[in-house]
Amino acid sequence: MRKPRDFDSELKALADRAKALKERRVRQLGELVAATGADALDADLLAGVLLDAVANKDVATSEGWRKAGAAFFRGKQRRPASRSEQQPKGALPLEGGAASR
């Protein structure tokens, strides 16, 4: 006769693994923020930039960001984005952002 499966212990193991993966992801995102130098930004500014990136629907802008990110990970020239890359035409600056300094 087969030994019955212990579903409770399997579920606990899966929950533990999911928690560990989530913690790893959060740690890696923090490391990415530090590696890009974005940790020097005010938390409100950083949150605003990220929210703007999530809401962005412009394919050309997103593609430019993707290329810059890929170059960063390949270790190519790590430079801040130019003014034209930072803010697309017609976009309003974030309150308290770099444009108001």
N, C-alpha and C. Protein backbone atom coordinates (compact mmCIF):
# COMPACT_ATOMS: atom_id res chain seq x y z
N MET A 1 0.83 -1.17 0.00
CA MET A 1 0.00 0.00 0.00
C MET A 1 0.89 1.25 0.00
N ARG A 2 0.47 2.28 -0.79
CA ARG A 2 1.24 3.52 -0.89
C ARG A 2 1.08 4.37 0.35
N LYS A 3 2.14 5.08 0.65
CA LYS A 3 2.10 6.01 1.77
C LYS A 3 1.27 7.24 1.35
N PRO A 4 0.33 7.67 2.17
CA PRO A 4 -0.49 8.83 1.80
C PRO A 4 0.36 10.10 1.76
N ARG A 5 0.01 11.01 0.84
CA ARG A 5 0.74 12.27 0.72
C ARG A 5 0.35 13.22 1.85
N ASP A 6 1.32 13.93 2.32
CA ASP A 6 1.08 14.92 3.36
C ASP A 6 0.91 16.28 2.68
N PHE A 7 -0.35 16.61 2.34
CA PHE A 7 -0.63 17.84 1.60
C PHE A 7 -0.28 19.08 2.42
N ASP A 8 -0.47 19.02 3.71
CA ASP A 8 -0.16 20.18 4.55
C ASP A 8 1.32 20.54 4.47
N SER A 9 2.18 19.55 4.58
CA SER A 9 3.61 19.84 4.52
C SER A 9 4.03 20.28 3.12
N GLU A 10 3.39 19.73 2.08
CA GLU A 10 3.70 20.16 0.72
C GLU A 10 3.27 21.60 0.49
N LEU A 11 2.10 21.97 1.01
CA LEU A 11 1.63 23.35 0.88
C LEU A 11 2.53 24.31 1.64
N LYS A 12 2.97 23.90 2.81
CA LYS A 12 3.87 24.74 3.60
C LYS A 12 5.19 24.93 2.87
N ALA A 13 5.71 23.86 2.28
CA ALA A 13 6.97 23.96 1.54
C ALA A 13 6.81 24.90 0.34
N LEU A 14 5.68 24.82 -0.35
CA LEU A 14 5.44 25.71 -1.49
C LEU A 14 5.31 27.16 -1.03
N ALA A 15 4.63 27.38 0.08
CA ALA A 15 4.48 28.74 0.61
C ALA A 15 5.84 29.30 1.03
N ASP A 16 6.67 28.47 1.65
CA ASP A 16 8.01 28.91 2.04
C ASP A 16 8.84 29.28 0.82
N ARG A 17 8.73 28.47 -0.22
CA ARG A 17 9.48 28.74 -1.45
C ARG A 17 9.00 30.03 -2.11
N ALA A 18 7.69 30.24 -2.14
CA ALA A 18 7.13 31.47 -2.72
C ALA A 18 7.61 32.69 -1.93
N LYS A 19 7.64 32.58 -0.61
CA LYS A 19 8.10 33.69 0.23
C LYS A 19 9.57 33.98 -0.03
N ALA A 20 10.38 32.94 -0.16
CA ALA A 20 11.81 33.11 -0.43
C ALA A 20 12.03 33.77 -1.79
N LEU A 21 11.25 33.37 -2.79
CA LEU A 21 11.37 33.96 -4.12
C LEU A 21 10.97 35.44 -4.11
N LYS A 22 9.92 35.77 -3.36
CA LYS A 22 9.48 37.16 -3.26
C LYS A 22 10.54 38.00 -2.57
N GLU A 23 11.13 37.48 -1.49
CA GLU A 23 12.19 38.20 -0.78
C GLU A 23 13.40 38.41 -1.69
N ARG A 24 13.73 37.40 -2.48
CA ARG A 24 14.86 37.51 -3.40
C ARG A 24 14.60 38.59 -4.46
N ARG A 25 13.37 38.63 -4.97
CA ARG A 25 13.01 39.62 -5.97
C ARG A 25 13.11 41.03 -5.40
N VAL A 26 12.59 41.23 -4.20
CA VAL A 26 12.66 42.55 -3.56
C VAL A 26 14.11 42.96 -3.34
N ARG A 27 14.95 42.03 -2.90
CA ARG A 27 16.36 42.32 -2.67
C ARG A 27 17.04 42.69 -4.00
N GLN A 28 16.73 41.97 -5.07
CA GLN A 28 17.34 42.26 -6.36
C GLN A 28 16.88 43.61 -6.90
N LEU A 29 15.62 43.97 -6.67
CA LEU A 29 15.15 45.29 -7.10
C LEU A 29 15.88 46.39 -6.33
N GLY A 30 16.10 46.18 -5.06
CA GLY A 30 16.87 47.15 -4.27
C GLY A 30 18.30 47.27 -4.77
N GLU A 31 18.90 46.15 -5.12
CA GLU A 31 20.26 46.17 -5.66
C GLU A 31 20.30 46.91 -7.00
N LEU A 32 19.26 46.73 -7.81
CA LEU A 32 19.19 47.42 -9.10
C LEU A 32 19.07 48.93 -8.90
N VAL A 33 18.25 49.34 -7.95
CA VAL A 33 18.11 50.77 -7.65
C VAL A 33 19.47 51.35 -7.24
N ALA A 34 20.18 50.63 -6.38
CA ALA A 34 21.50 51.11 -5.94
C ALA A 34 22.51 51.11 -7.08
N ALA A 35 22.50 50.08 -7.91
CA ALA A 35 23.47 49.98 -9.00
C ALA A 35 23.29 51.07 -10.04
N THR A 36 22.06 51.51 -10.25
CA THR A 36 21.80 52.56 -11.23
C THR A 36 22.03 53.96 -10.66
N GLY A 37 22.22 54.04 -9.36
CA GLY A 37 22.40 55.34 -8.72
C GLY A 37 21.08 55.99 -8.34
N ALA A 38 19.97 55.31 -8.58
CA ALA A 38 18.66 55.87 -8.28
C ALA A 38 18.40 55.94 -6.78
N ASP A 39 19.25 55.31 -5.97
CA ASP A 39 19.08 55.39 -4.53
C ASP A 39 19.38 56.80 -4.01
N ALA A 40 20.02 57.62 -4.84
CA ALA A 40 20.31 59.00 -4.44
C ALA A 40 19.09 59.90 -4.65
N LEU A 41 18.08 59.40 -5.36
CA LEU A 41 16.87 60.19 -5.61
C LEU A 41 15.97 60.17 -4.39
N ASP A 42 15.17 61.23 -4.27
CA ASP A 42 14.15 61.29 -3.24
C ASP A 42 13.14 60.15 -3.51
N ALA A 43 12.64 59.53 -2.46
CA ALA A 43 11.71 58.40 -2.62
C ALA A 43 10.46 58.79 -3.39
N ASP A 44 9.95 60.02 -3.17
CA ASP A 44 8.76 60.47 -3.91
C ASP A 44 9.06 60.61 -5.39
N LEU A 45 10.24 61.13 -5.71
CA LEU A 45 10.63 61.29 -7.11
C LEU A 45 10.79 59.94 -7.78
N LEU A 46 11.47 59.03 -7.12
CA LEU A 46 11.67 57.69 -7.68
C LEU A 46 10.33 57.00 -7.90
N ALA A 47 9.43 57.09 -6.95
CA ALA A 47 8.11 56.48 -7.10
C ALA A 47 7.36 57.11 -8.26
N GLY A 48 7.45 58.42 -8.40
CA GLY A 48 6.78 59.10 -9.51
C GLY A 48 7.33 58.68 -10.86
N VAL A 49 8.64 58.55 -10.95
CA VAL A 49 9.26 58.11 -12.21
C VAL A 49 8.80 56.70 -12.57
N LEU A 50 8.79 55.82 -11.58
CA LEU A 50 8.36 54.44 -11.84
C LEU A 50 6.89 54.38 -12.23
N LEU A 51 6.05 55.16 -11.57
CA LEU A 51 4.62 55.20 -11.92
C LEU A 51 4.43 55.72 -13.34
N ASP A 52 5.21 56.72 -13.73
CA ASP A 52 5.13 57.26 -15.08
C ASP A 52 5.57 56.20 -16.10
N ALA A 53 6.61 55.45 -15.76
CA ALA A 53 7.08 54.40 -16.67
C ALA A 53 6.02 53.30 -16.84
N VAL A 54 5.35 52.95 -15.76
CA VAL A 54 4.31 51.92 -15.84
C VAL A 54 3.13 52.41 -16.68
N ALA A 55 2.78 53.69 -16.55
CA ALA A 55 1.64 54.25 -17.27
C ALA A 55 1.99 54.59 -18.72
N ASN A 56 3.26 54.60 -19.07
CA ASN A 56 3.69 54.98 -20.42
C ASN A 56 3.11 54.04 -21.47
N LYS A 57 2.52 54.62 -22.51
CA LYS A 57 1.97 53.83 -23.62
C LYS A 57 2.73 54.05 -24.92
N ASP A 58 3.71 54.96 -24.90
CA ASP A 58 4.48 55.29 -26.10
C ASP A 58 5.52 54.21 -26.36
N VAL A 59 5.37 53.51 -27.47
CA VAL A 59 6.25 52.40 -27.80
C VAL A 59 7.68 52.86 -28.02
N ALA A 60 7.86 54.01 -28.66
CA ALA A 60 9.21 54.50 -28.95
C ALA A 60 9.95 54.84 -27.65
N THR A 61 9.26 55.46 -26.72
CA THR A 61 9.88 55.79 -25.44
C THR A 61 10.25 54.52 -24.69
N SER A 62 9.33 53.57 -24.65
CA SER A 62 9.60 52.30 -23.96
C SER A 62 10.77 51.57 -24.60
N GLU A 63 10.85 51.60 -25.91
CA GLU A 63 11.94 50.93 -26.60
C GLU A 63 13.28 51.60 -26.27
N GLY A 64 13.28 52.93 -26.17
CA GLY A 64 14.49 53.64 -25.78
C GLY A 64 14.93 53.26 -24.38
N TRP A 65 13.98 53.15 -23.47
CA TRP A 65 14.29 52.74 -22.11
C TRP A 65 14.81 51.30 -22.08
N ARG A 66 14.19 50.44 -22.89
CA ARG A 66 14.61 49.04 -22.92
C ARG A 66 16.05 48.93 -23.42
N LYS A 67 16.38 49.69 -24.47
CA LYS A 67 17.74 49.66 -25.01
C LYS A 67 18.75 50.18 -23.99
N ALA A 68 18.39 51.25 -23.30
CA ALA A 68 19.30 51.79 -22.28
C ALA A 68 19.50 50.78 -21.15
N GLY A 69 18.43 50.10 -20.76
CA GLY A 69 18.53 49.08 -19.71
C GLY A 69 19.38 47.91 -20.15
N ALA A 70 19.19 47.47 -21.40
CA ALA A 70 19.98 46.36 -21.91
C ALA A 70 21.46 46.73 -21.96
N ALA A 71 21.75 47.95 -22.37
CA ALA A 71 23.15 48.40 -22.41
C ALA A 71 23.72 48.46 -21.00
N PHE A 72 22.93 48.86 -20.03
CA PHE A 72 23.38 48.90 -18.65
C PHE A 72 23.79 47.51 -18.18
N PHE A 73 22.96 46.52 -18.48
CA PHE A 73 23.26 45.16 -18.04
C PHE A 73 24.41 44.53 -18.80
N ARG A 74 24.65 44.99 -20.03
CA ARG A 74 25.80 44.50 -20.78
C ARG A 74 27.08 45.18 -20.31
N GLY A 75 26.95 46.21 -19.48
CA GLY A 75 28.12 46.88 -18.94
C GLY A 75 28.68 47.94 -19.86
N LYS A 76 27.91 48.34 -20.87
CA LYS A 76 28.38 49.41 -21.74
C LYS A 76 28.35 50.71 -20.98
N GLN A 77 28.64 51.76 -21.69
CA GLN A 77 28.72 53.08 -21.09
C GLN A 77 27.50 53.35 -20.22
N ARG A 78 27.75 53.60 -18.95
CA ARG A 78 26.67 53.87 -18.00
C ARG A 78 26.59 55.37 -17.78
N ARG A 79 25.68 55.98 -18.51
CA ARG A 79 25.52 57.42 -18.42
C ARG A 79 24.06 57.73 -18.12
N PRO A 80 23.82 58.87 -17.51
CA PRO A 80 22.43 59.27 -17.31
C PRO A 80 21.78 59.55 -18.66
N ALA A 81 20.49 59.39 -18.74
CA ALA A 81 19.77 59.66 -19.99
C ALA A 81 19.86 61.13 -20.33
N SER A 82 19.91 61.43 -21.63
CA SER A 82 19.94 62.83 -22.05
C SER A 82 18.58 63.45 -21.77
N ARG A 83 18.50 64.77 -21.84
CA ARG A 83 17.24 65.46 -21.55
C ARG A 83 16.13 64.97 -22.48
N SER A 84 16.45 64.73 -23.76
CA SER A 84 15.41 64.29 -24.69
C SER A 84 14.93 62.88 -24.37
N GLU A 85 15.78 62.06 -23.78
CA GLU A 85 15.38 60.70 -23.41
C GLU A 85 14.62 60.67 -22.10
N GLN A 86 14.90 61.66 -21.23
CA GLN A 86 14.28 61.67 -19.91
C GLN A 86 12.81 62.02 -19.96
N GLN A 87 12.45 62.99 -20.78
CA GLN A 87 11.09 63.48 -20.78
C GLN A 87 10.60 63.62 -22.21
N PRO A 88 9.63 62.80 -22.62
CA PRO A 88 9.11 62.91 -23.98
C PRO A 88 8.39 64.24 -24.19
N LYS A 89 8.29 64.68 -25.46
CA LYS A 89 7.61 65.92 -25.79
C LYS A 89 6.18 65.88 -25.27
N GLY A 90 5.75 66.99 -24.75
CA GLY A 90 4.37 67.09 -24.30
C GLY A 90 4.12 66.52 -22.91
N ALA A 91 5.10 65.91 -22.31
CA ALA A 91 4.92 65.34 -20.98
C ALA A 91 5.14 66.44 -19.94
N LEU A 92 4.33 66.42 -18.93
CA LEU A 92 4.48 67.38 -17.85
C LEU A 92 5.48 66.86 -16.84
N PRO A 93 6.32 67.73 -16.28
CA PRO A 93 7.27 67.26 -15.27
C PRO A 93 6.53 66.86 -14.00
N LEU A 94 7.10 65.93 -13.28
CA LEU A 94 6.52 65.49 -12.00
C LEU A 94 6.72 66.60 -10.98
N GLU A 95 5.76 66.75 -10.08
CA GLU A 95 5.91 67.73 -9.02
C GLU A 95 7.12 67.39 -8.18
N GLY A 96 7.95 68.38 -7.91
CA GLY A 96 9.14 68.15 -7.09
C GLY A 96 10.23 67.41 -7.83
N GLY A 97 10.06 67.20 -9.13
CA GLY A 97 11.03 66.44 -9.91
C GLY A 97 12.21 67.29 -10.33
N ALA A 98 13.06 66.70 -11.13
CA ALA A 98 14.29 67.35 -11.56
C ALA A 98 14.00 68.62 -12.36
N ALA A 99 12.88 68.69 -13.07
CA ALA A 99 12.56 69.84 -13.89
C ALA A 99 12.30 71.08 -13.04
N SER A 100 11.92 70.92 -11.78
CA SER A 100 11.60 72.06 -10.94
C SER A 100 12.80 72.53 -10.13
N ARG A 101 13.93 71.89 -10.28
CA ARG A 101 15.13 72.27 -9.51
C ARG A 101 15.82 73.44 -10.11
